[in-house]
Amino acid sequence: MSGGTQQLCQAMVEYLTRCGVLAATAFPQTLRKEEGPVAVVSLRGCQAKSAGFQDYLGERFNEQTGQWEELFGKKADITFGLDLYATQQGDGQQLQTAFDQLAGALILGGPQGMRVEEFSCGQTEYDGESRRLRRPVQAVCTVYLSAVEESGGEFVDFELRGVVKP
């Protein structure tokens, strides 16, 4: 996966959708159908730290070019907002059921290249701005963000690299 942090949010949305959780990115904000509880995915934080000496991660052989490439990068803790929203119908049981389903998806591990380290939720409350019930949820994932350097010393691409899953 190449690109910015918005693609991290999109990867989380796609993962949750595959796990049966209705999810959408917070930005850009679009009209959402009233199909039931939805997890709104946003990026709440990113803390990058060194993953090796001078961010060196090693080498890999590129079969397309037939050359060795050096990898540089950082280990990052990404904090996702996965807030659940639902209409005011009922007593909030829809949100509890949706959180149970969301928790099940996060326990399975997370999107490819991301390892879910922790997740938590708050209490269900009424959100006057959206006129819906809201349960705040967040998850912290570990990822490796890396750049590829060709033999000439030029960086070619940045991408999300996987972490070893237990």
Protein backbone atom coordinates (compact mmCIF):
# COMPACT_ATOMS: atom_id res chain seq x y z
CA MET A 1 0.00 0.00 0.00
CA SER A 2 1.47 3.36 -0.98
CA GLY A 3 0.41 6.83 -0.04
CA GLY A 4 -0.65 8.90 2.91
CA THR A 5 -2.46 8.34 6.14
CA GLN A 6 -5.88 8.51 4.48
CA GLN A 7 -5.07 5.15 2.90
CA LEU A 8 -4.51 3.73 6.38
CA CYS A 9 -8.08 4.73 7.26
CA GLN A 10 -9.36 3.27 3.99
CA ALA A 11 -7.55 -0.02 4.71
CA MET A 12 -9.26 -0.17 8.12
CA VAL A 13 -12.66 0.51 6.52
CA GLU A 14 -12.13 -2.26 3.98
CA TYR A 15 -11.02 -4.70 6.68
CA LEU A 16 -14.01 -3.95 8.91
CA THR A 17 -16.36 -4.26 5.93
CA ARG A 18 -14.92 -7.70 5.09
CA CYS A 19 -15.56 -8.67 8.73
CA GLY A 20 -19.22 -7.66 8.43
CA VAL A 21 -19.01 -4.28 10.20
CA LEU A 22 -20.63 -1.35 8.39
CA ALA A 23 -17.80 1.25 8.22
CA ALA A 24 -16.97 4.52 6.47
CA THR A 25 -14.12 7.03 6.61
CA ALA A 26 -14.76 10.24 8.55
CA PHE A 27 -13.16 12.37 5.82
CA PRO A 28 -14.35 13.20 3.30
CA GLN A 29 -17.69 13.24 5.06
CA THR A 30 -20.44 11.86 2.90
CA LEU A 31 -24.13 11.25 3.43
CA ARG A 32 -24.55 7.97 5.26
CA LYS A 33 -27.54 5.73 4.77
CA GLU A 34 -29.58 4.71 7.81
CA GLU A 35 -28.73 1.01 7.41
CA GLY A 36 -27.87 0.54 11.05
CA PRO A 37 -24.88 1.31 13.26
CA VAL A 38 -21.81 2.52 11.37
CA ALA A 39 -18.17 2.69 12.50
CA VAL A 40 -16.71 6.04 11.42
CA VAL A 41 -12.96 5.62 10.92
CA SER A 42 -10.58 8.53 11.52
CA LEU A 43 -6.92 8.99 12.35
CA ARG A 44 -6.56 10.23 15.93
CA GLY A 45 -2.81 9.93 16.31
CA CYS A 46 0.45 8.73 14.83
CA GLN A 47 3.65 8.21 16.76
CA ALA A 48 6.62 7.09 14.66
CA LYS A 49 9.88 5.82 16.14
CA SER A 50 13.07 4.35 14.84
CA ALA A 51 12.90 0.71 13.77
CA GLY A 52 16.62 0.20 13.23
CA PHE A 53 19.99 1.92 13.09
CA GLN A 54 19.42 5.15 11.14
CA ASP A 55 16.03 3.70 10.15
CA TYR A 56 17.66 0.94 8.10
CA LEU A 57 15.40 -2.11 7.77
CA GLY A 58 17.47 -4.28 5.42
CA GLU A 59 17.48 -5.27 1.76
CA ARG A 60 15.13 -7.05 -0.59
CA PHE A 61 15.52 -8.37 -4.12
CA ASN A 62 13.18 -6.76 -6.64
CA GLU A 63 12.33 -9.47 -9.16
CA GLN A 64 10.90 -6.95 -11.64
CA THR A 65 14.11 -4.92 -11.91
CA GLY A 66 16.54 -7.71 -11.04
CA GLN A 67 18.27 -5.48 -8.48
CA TRP A 68 18.62 -5.28 -4.72
CA GLU A 69 16.81 -2.44 -2.94
CA GLU A 70 17.48 -1.07 0.51
CA LEU A 71 14.57 -0.46 2.89
CA PHE A 72 14.43 2.41 5.35
CA GLY A 73 11.55 3.20 7.64
CA LYS A 74 9.94 3.74 10.97
CA LYS A 75 7.79 1.73 13.31
CA ALA A 76 4.59 3.66 13.99
CA ASP A 77 1.74 3.41 16.46
CA ILE A 78 -1.41 4.55 14.68
CA THR A 79 -4.44 5.47 16.80
CA PHE A 80 -7.70 5.06 14.91
CA GLY A 81 -11.02 6.53 15.95
CA LEU A 82 -13.67 3.89 15.22
CA ASP A 83 -16.65 5.74 16.68
CA LEU A 84 -19.97 3.94 16.35
CA TYR A 85 -23.07 5.94 15.39
CA ALA A 86 -26.71 4.81 15.26
CA THR A 87 -30.15 6.39 15.10
CA GLN A 88 -31.91 7.15 18.36
CA GLN A 89 -34.26 4.19 18.01
CA GLY A 90 -34.09 1.81 20.92
CA ASP A 91 -32.02 2.02 24.07
CA GLY A 92 -28.51 1.79 22.61
CA GLN A 93 -28.57 -2.01 22.30
CA GLN A 94 -27.80 -1.62 18.57
CA LEU A 95 -24.54 0.09 19.48
CA GLN A 96 -23.64 -2.60 22.01
CA THR A 97 -24.23 -5.28 19.39
CA ALA A 98 -22.21 -3.28 16.84
CA PHE A 99 -19.35 -2.88 19.34
CA ASP A 100 -19.35 -6.63 20.00
CA GLN A 101 -19.04 -7.23 16.25
CA LEU A 102 -16.32 -4.57 15.93
CA ALA A 103 -14.40 -6.04 18.87
CA GLY A 104 -14.59 -9.47 17.24
CA ALA A 105 -13.03 -8.06 14.06
CA LEU A 106 -10.25 -6.33 16.02
CA ILE A 107 -9.49 -9.46 18.03
CA LEU A 108 -8.88 -11.29 14.72
CA GLY A 109 -5.91 -9.01 14.10
CA GLY A 110 -6.64 -6.07 11.82
CA PRO A 111 -5.91 -5.12 8.22
CA GLN A 112 -2.92 -6.64 6.44
CA GLY A 113 0.25 -4.96 7.65
CA MET A 114 -1.35 -3.67 10.86
CA ARG A 115 -1.32 -5.40 14.22
CA VAL A 116 -4.00 -4.28 16.68
CA GLU A 117 -2.25 -3.68 20.01
CA GLU A 118 -5.23 -2.41 21.99
CA PHE A 119 -8.77 -1.12 21.62
CA SER A 120 -11.25 0.52 23.95
CA CYS A 121 -14.69 2.09 24.02
CA GLY A 122 -16.53 4.70 26.03
CA GLN A 123 -20.10 5.05 27.13
CA THR A 124 -22.96 5.50 24.67
CA GLU A 125 -24.25 9.07 24.60
CA TYR A 126 -26.38 11.34 22.46
CA ASP A 127 -24.40 13.42 19.94
CA GLY A 128 -26.36 16.61 19.27
CA GLU A 129 -24.32 17.56 16.20
CA SER A 130 -25.12 14.36 14.31
CA ARG A 131 -28.46 13.81 16.10
CA ARG A 132 -27.50 10.19 16.71
CA LEU A 133 -26.34 7.94 19.48
CA ARG A 134 -22.56 7.69 19.60
CA ARG A 135 -20.17 5.29 21.29
CA PRO A 136 -16.53 6.42 21.11
CA VAL A 137 -14.15 3.61 20.15
CA GLN A 138 -10.46 3.69 19.41
CA ALA A 139 -7.82 1.17 18.41
CA VAL A 140 -4.03 1.41 18.44
CA CYS A 141 -2.22 -0.49 15.67
CA THR A 142 1.48 -1.04 15.05
CA VAL A 143 2.70 -0.63 11.47
CA TYR A 144 6.00 -0.24 9.65
CA LEU A 145 6.21 2.68 7.24
CA SER A 146 9.08 2.16 4.84
CA ALA A 147 10.76 3.74 1.84
CA VAL A 148 12.62 1.88 -0.88
CA GLU A 149 16.01 3.14 -2.07
CA GLU A 150 17.39 1.90 -5.37
CA SER A 151 21.10 1.18 -5.79
CA GLY A 152 21.64 4.75 -7.07
CA GLY A 153 20.57 6.20 -3.74
CA GLU A 154 17.17 7.52 -4.86
CA PHE A 155 14.00 6.84 -2.84
CA VAL A 156 11.36 5.35 -5.10
CA ASP A 157 8.27 4.80 -2.99
CA PHE A 158 6.87 4.84 0.51
CA GLU A 159 4.67 1.98 1.62
CA LEU A 160 3.08 0.30 4.59
CA ARG A 161 4.99 -2.83 5.53
CA GLY A 162 3.50 -5.69 7.46
CA VAL A 163 4.27 -6.70 10.99
CA VAL A 164 4.66 -10.24 12.18
CA LYS A 165 1.34 -11.53 13.47
CA PRO A 166 1.41 -14.03 16.30
